[in-house]
């Protein structure tokens, strides 16, 4: 999977795709994303009509329903501003999954254009804006989970670059870092036992790394791993990296 090649961004306005998970569970991540972007000088627009990226139906094989959702997204995010998403999974749906679903559809060019202006947050900060260091202080050992949907994109190294730059932060690697956490959206519903076993294996590696905090660019992974940890009585502090960025700034103040 590869994000489209895009030129660095020199404008000041962006659109925020908050995602279903932010809407339902992680409003703090959406707020942190806005704060991060505003700290970097961006004016953030929030299209009120936005709903879902269409990935659940796409992953479930119901491409006609997925295309309906994507067409709505086209309307909600009209214009040519960059679309910033605090989720590697939803961003990948926009620039990878949606064009696949529209291969034989008349709207494909518009869908491809939509994907070409969609950025995962970390990728946008580092590769879109050219920001390679983050101010602040975060005196903790941090493990970074690289989610499956960010493979082959600019996100994994972008987020790691920002984390490594923060004063006091000690970034530790996870064993079998490229392995999936097991969530996989509808996969976790269709194959719950396999999904849980994969999550438990991932948590075993997290435990061996002994971080104070687990971060990711995908809330779905954090929700899955956090749920398993809670069920098993395993202490786990897991936050989206945008929230860590803002906590680092607050600790500097």
Protein backbone atom coordinates (compact mmCIF):
# COMPACT_ATOMS: atom_id res chain seq x y z
CA UNK A 1 0.00 0.00 0.00
CA UNK A 2 1.35 3.40 -0.94
CA UNK A 3 0.13 6.89 -0.25
CA UNK A 4 -0.06 9.07 -3.35
CA UNK A 5 2.97 11.23 -4.05
CA UNK A 6 2.10 14.78 -3.06
CA UNK A 7 3.95 18.03 -2.94
CA UNK A 8 4.71 19.67 0.42
CA UNK A 9 1.83 21.89 1.52
CA UNK A 10 2.38 25.61 1.90
CA UNK A 11 -1.19 26.74 2.58
CA UNK A 12 -2.86 27.49 5.90
CA UNK A 13 -6.30 25.85 5.66
CA UNK A 14 -7.16 22.17 6.00
CA UNK A 15 -10.25 20.04 6.47
CA UNK A 16 -10.57 17.56 9.34
CA UNK A 17 -12.05 14.10 8.83
CA UNK A 18 -12.72 13.14 12.44
CA UNK A 19 -13.67 9.47 11.74
CA UNK A 20 -16.43 7.34 13.27
CA UNK A 21 -14.27 6.28 16.22
CA UNK A 22 -13.59 9.88 17.23
CA UNK A 23 -17.29 10.58 16.98
CA UNK A 24 -18.29 7.57 19.08
CA UNK A 25 -15.39 7.02 21.48
CA UNK A 26 -12.32 9.23 21.02
CA UNK A 27 -13.41 12.86 21.00
CA UNK A 28 -10.19 13.65 22.88
CA UNK A 29 -8.21 12.50 19.84
CA UNK A 30 -10.21 14.76 17.52
CA UNK A 31 -9.65 17.69 19.89
CA UNK A 32 -5.92 16.96 20.13
CA UNK A 33 -5.70 16.77 16.33
CA UNK A 34 -7.27 20.22 15.99
CA UNK A 35 -4.94 21.60 18.67
CA UNK A 36 -1.88 20.11 16.96
CA UNK A 37 -2.86 21.55 13.59
CA UNK A 38 -3.67 24.97 15.06
CA UNK A 39 -0.35 24.98 16.93
CA UNK A 40 1.29 24.49 13.52
CA UNK A 41 -0.57 27.50 12.15
CA UNK A 42 -3.39 25.73 10.34
CA UNK A 43 -6.97 26.93 10.13
CA UNK A 44 -9.05 23.79 10.59
CA UNK A 45 -12.42 23.39 8.88
CA UNK A 46 -14.83 20.68 10.02
CA UNK A 47 -17.38 19.74 7.33
CA UNK A 48 -20.59 19.16 9.30
CA UNK A 49 -22.01 16.64 6.86
CA UNK A 50 -19.21 14.10 7.21
CA UNK A 51 -20.06 10.57 8.32
CA UNK A 52 -17.84 7.54 7.57
CA UNK A 53 -15.04 6.83 5.10
CA UNK A 54 -16.87 3.73 3.85
CA UNK A 55 -14.32 1.20 5.03
CA UNK A 56 -16.61 -1.14 7.05
CA UNK A 57 -18.76 -1.91 4.01
CA UNK A 58 -15.68 -2.08 1.77
CA UNK A 59 -13.92 -4.59 4.03
CA UNK A 60 -17.13 -6.60 4.34
CA UNK A 61 -17.38 -6.97 0.56
CA UNK A 62 -20.42 -4.71 0.19
CA UNK A 63 -18.82 -2.38 -2.31
CA UNK A 64 -22.10 -0.85 -3.59
CA UNK A 65 -22.86 0.38 -0.05
CA UNK A 66 -19.29 1.53 0.37
CA UNK A 67 -19.51 3.56 -2.83
CA UNK A 68 -22.64 5.32 -1.50
CA UNK A 69 -20.71 6.40 1.59
CA UNK A 70 -17.71 7.54 -0.46
CA UNK A 71 -19.95 9.57 -2.76
CA UNK A 72 -21.36 11.31 0.31
CA UNK A 73 -17.79 11.98 1.47
CA UNK A 74 -17.07 13.56 -1.91
CA UNK A 75 -19.93 15.99 -1.29
CA UNK A 76 -19.03 16.67 2.34
CA UNK A 77 -15.37 17.38 1.55
CA UNK A 78 -15.90 19.44 -1.58
CA UNK A 79 -13.07 21.69 -2.70
CA UNK A 80 -9.35 21.16 -2.95
CA UNK A 81 -8.08 21.61 0.62
CA UNK A 82 -5.99 18.86 2.23
CA UNK A 83 -8.07 16.44 4.29
CA UNK A 84 -6.32 15.48 7.53
CA UNK A 85 -7.28 12.24 9.26
CA UNK A 86 -6.07 11.09 12.71
CA UNK A 87 -6.28 7.50 11.49
CA UNK A 88 -3.99 5.62 9.14
CA UNK A 89 -6.83 3.19 8.48
CA UNK A 90 -9.37 5.78 7.30
CA UNK A 91 -6.73 7.68 5.34
CA UNK A 92 -5.74 4.46 3.55
CA UNK A 93 -9.38 3.84 2.70
CA UNK A 94 -9.52 7.21 0.99
CA UNK A 95 -6.38 6.88 -1.11
CA UNK A 96 -6.30 3.10 -1.58
CA UNK A 97 -9.60 1.34 -0.87
CA UNK A 98 -12.00 3.86 -2.39
CA UNK A 99 -10.23 4.00 -5.79
CA UNK A 100 -10.36 0.19 -5.91
CA UNK A 101 -14.10 0.24 -5.27
CA UNK A 102 -14.56 2.76 -8.07
CA UNK A 103 -12.36 1.11 -10.72
CA UNK A 104 -15.32 0.68 -13.08
CA UNK A 105 -17.36 3.64 -11.92
CA UNK A 106 -17.81 7.00 -13.56
CA UNK A 107 -16.86 8.86 -10.41
CA UNK A 108 -13.42 7.28 -10.19
CA UNK A 109 -11.44 10.39 -11.16
CA UNK A 110 -13.14 12.41 -8.42
CA UNK A 111 -12.51 9.64 -5.90
CA UNK A 112 -8.84 9.43 -6.85
CA UNK A 113 -8.55 13.22 -6.50
CA UNK A 114 -10.16 12.95 -3.04
CA UNK A 115 -7.59 10.34 -2.05
CA UNK A 116 -4.72 12.41 -3.40
CA UNK A 117 -5.51 15.23 -0.96
CA UNK A 118 -6.08 12.97 2.04
CA UNK A 119 -3.29 12.75 4.62
CA UNK A 120 -2.89 10.82 7.83
CA UNK A 121 -1.97 13.36 10.53
CA UNK A 122 1.66 12.31 11.18
CA UNK A 123 2.38 11.99 7.46
CA UNK A 124 1.00 15.50 6.93
CA UNK A 125 3.04 17.05 9.74
CA UNK A 126 6.37 15.58 8.62
CA UNK A 127 6.02 15.07 4.87
CA UNK A 128 3.38 17.70 4.12
CA UNK A 129 4.57 20.56 6.31
CA UNK A 130 8.23 19.55 6.68
CA UNK A 131 8.09 19.57 10.51
CA UNK A 132 10.59 17.00 11.81
CA UNK A 133 10.82 17.83 15.50
CA UNK A 134 8.30 18.53 18.24
CA UNK A 135 8.84 20.82 21.23
CA UNK A 136 7.90 19.96 24.77
CA UNK A 137 8.80 17.33 27.31
CA UNK A 138 7.54 13.81 27.93
CA UNK A 139 9.52 11.87 30.51
CA UNK A 140 8.27 8.37 29.68
CA UNK A 141 9.21 5.19 27.87
CA UNK A 142 6.99 4.92 24.80
CA UNK A 143 6.26 2.02 22.45
CA UNK A 144 4.84 2.84 19.02
CA UNK A 145 2.45 0.37 17.36
CA UNK A 146 2.70 0.61 13.57
CA UNK A 147 -0.73 -0.33 12.32
CA UNK A 148 -1.24 -2.51 9.24
CA UNK A 149 -3.00 0.17 7.24
CA UNK A 150 0.03 2.44 7.42
CA UNK A 151 2.40 -0.10 5.83
CA UNK A 152 4.05 1.31 2.74
CA UNK A 153 2.95 4.86 3.59
CA UNK A 154 4.85 7.78 5.08
CA UNK A 155 3.09 7.45 8.43
CA UNK A 156 5.22 4.95 10.41
CA UNK A 157 8.51 6.79 10.05
CA UNK A 158 6.83 10.20 10.31
CA UNK A 159 5.29 9.42 13.68
CA UNK A 160 8.51 7.79 14.91
CA UNK A 161 10.47 10.86 13.82
CA UNK A 162 8.25 13.15 15.89
CA UNK A 163 8.35 10.86 18.92
CA UNK A 164 12.15 10.55 18.84
CA UNK A 165 12.49 14.34 18.77
CA UNK A 166 10.61 14.97 22.03
CA UNK A 167 12.80 15.75 25.01
CA UNK A 168 12.69 13.11 27.73
CA UNK A 169 10.86 10.54 25.60
CA UNK A 170 12.49 7.12 25.25
CA UNK A 171 11.17 5.22 22.24
CA UNK A 172 11.39 1.42 22.50
CA UNK A 173 10.77 -1.06 19.71
CA UNK A 174 8.17 -3.82 19.88
CA UNK A 175 8.94 -7.41 18.94
CA UNK A 176 7.33 -8.50 15.65
CA UNK A 177 6.55 -4.84 15.05
CA UNK A 178 5.03 -5.44 11.63
CA UNK A 179 2.44 -7.92 12.91
CA UNK A 180 -1.23 -6.91 13.01
CA UNK A 181 -2.93 -6.22 16.34
CA UNK A 182 -5.81 -8.41 15.22
CA UNK A 183 -8.57 -5.81 15.00
CA UNK A 184 -8.94 -5.47 11.24
CA UNK A 185 -12.34 -3.80 11.51
CA UNK A 186 -14.96 -6.33 10.48
CA UNK A 187 -12.33 -9.08 10.78
CA UNK A 188 -12.62 -8.87 14.57
CA UNK A 189 -16.35 -9.51 14.29
CA UNK A 190 -16.15 -12.30 11.70
CA UNK A 191 -13.22 -14.09 13.34
CA UNK A 192 -13.32 -13.00 17.00
CA UNK A 193 -11.17 -15.84 18.37
CA UNK A 194 -8.38 -15.31 15.82
CA UNK A 195 -8.62 -11.56 16.35
CA UNK A 196 -8.31 -11.91 20.13
CA UNK A 197 -5.36 -14.31 19.84
CA UNK A 198 -3.52 -11.85 17.60
CA UNK A 199 -4.21 -9.05 20.05
CA UNK A 200 -2.92 -11.13 22.95
CA UNK A 201 0.30 -11.86 21.04
CA UNK A 202 0.76 -8.15 20.37
CA UNK A 203 0.21 -7.39 24.05
CA UNK A 204 2.80 -10.01 24.98
CA UNK A 205 5.36 -8.05 22.96
CA UNK A 206 4.18 -4.79 24.52
CA UNK A 207 4.71 -6.32 27.95
CA UNK A 208 8.24 -7.43 27.06
CA UNK A 209 9.12 -3.88 25.92
CA UNK A 210 7.85 -2.51 29.26
CA UNK A 211 6.73 0.93 28.03
CA UNK A 212 4.97 3.47 30.20
CA UNK A 213 2.74 4.38 27.27
CA UNK A 214 1.63 2.66 24.05
CA UNK A 215 0.86 5.00 21.16
CA UNK A 216 -0.47 4.51 17.66
CA UNK A 217 -1.78 6.49 14.70
CA UNK A 218 -4.91 4.33 14.74
CA UNK A 219 -7.56 4.49 17.45
CA UNK A 220 -9.03 1.16 16.28
CA UNK A 221 -5.82 -0.64 17.26
CA UNK A 222 -5.73 1.12 20.61
CA UNK A 223 -9.37 0.25 21.26
CA UNK A 224 -8.79 -3.42 20.43
CA UNK A 225 -5.64 -3.78 22.51
CA UNK A 226 -7.07 -1.73 25.34
CA UNK A 227 -10.18 -3.89 25.42
CA UNK A 228 -8.19 -7.12 25.64
CA UNK A 229 -5.92 -5.66 28.32
CA UNK A 230 -8.91 -4.53 30.37
CA UNK A 231 -10.56 -7.95 30.04
CA UNK A 232 -7.38 -9.68 31.19
CA UNK A 233 -6.68 -7.21 34.00
CA UNK A 234 -3.44 -6.02 32.39
CA UNK A 235 -2.53 -2.36 33.09
CA UNK A 236 -2.12 -0.52 29.78
CA UNK A 237 -1.93 3.20 29.12
CA UNK A 238 -2.67 3.65 25.43
CA UNK A 239 -3.19 6.99 23.67
CA UNK A 240 -3.21 8.37 20.16
CA UNK A 241 0.06 10.08 19.27
CA UNK A 242 -1.72 13.42 18.73
CA UNK A 243 -2.67 13.41 22.40
CA UNK A 244 0.94 12.66 23.34
CA UNK A 245 2.11 15.63 21.27
CA UNK A 246 -0.22 17.96 23.15
CA UNK A 247 0.72 16.47 26.53
CA UNK A 248 4.38 17.10 25.69
CA UNK A 249 3.63 20.77 24.99
CA UNK A 250 1.66 21.10 28.22
CA UNK A 251 4.52 19.67 30.25
CA UNK A 252 6.90 22.19 28.75
CA UNK A 253 4.63 24.99 29.93
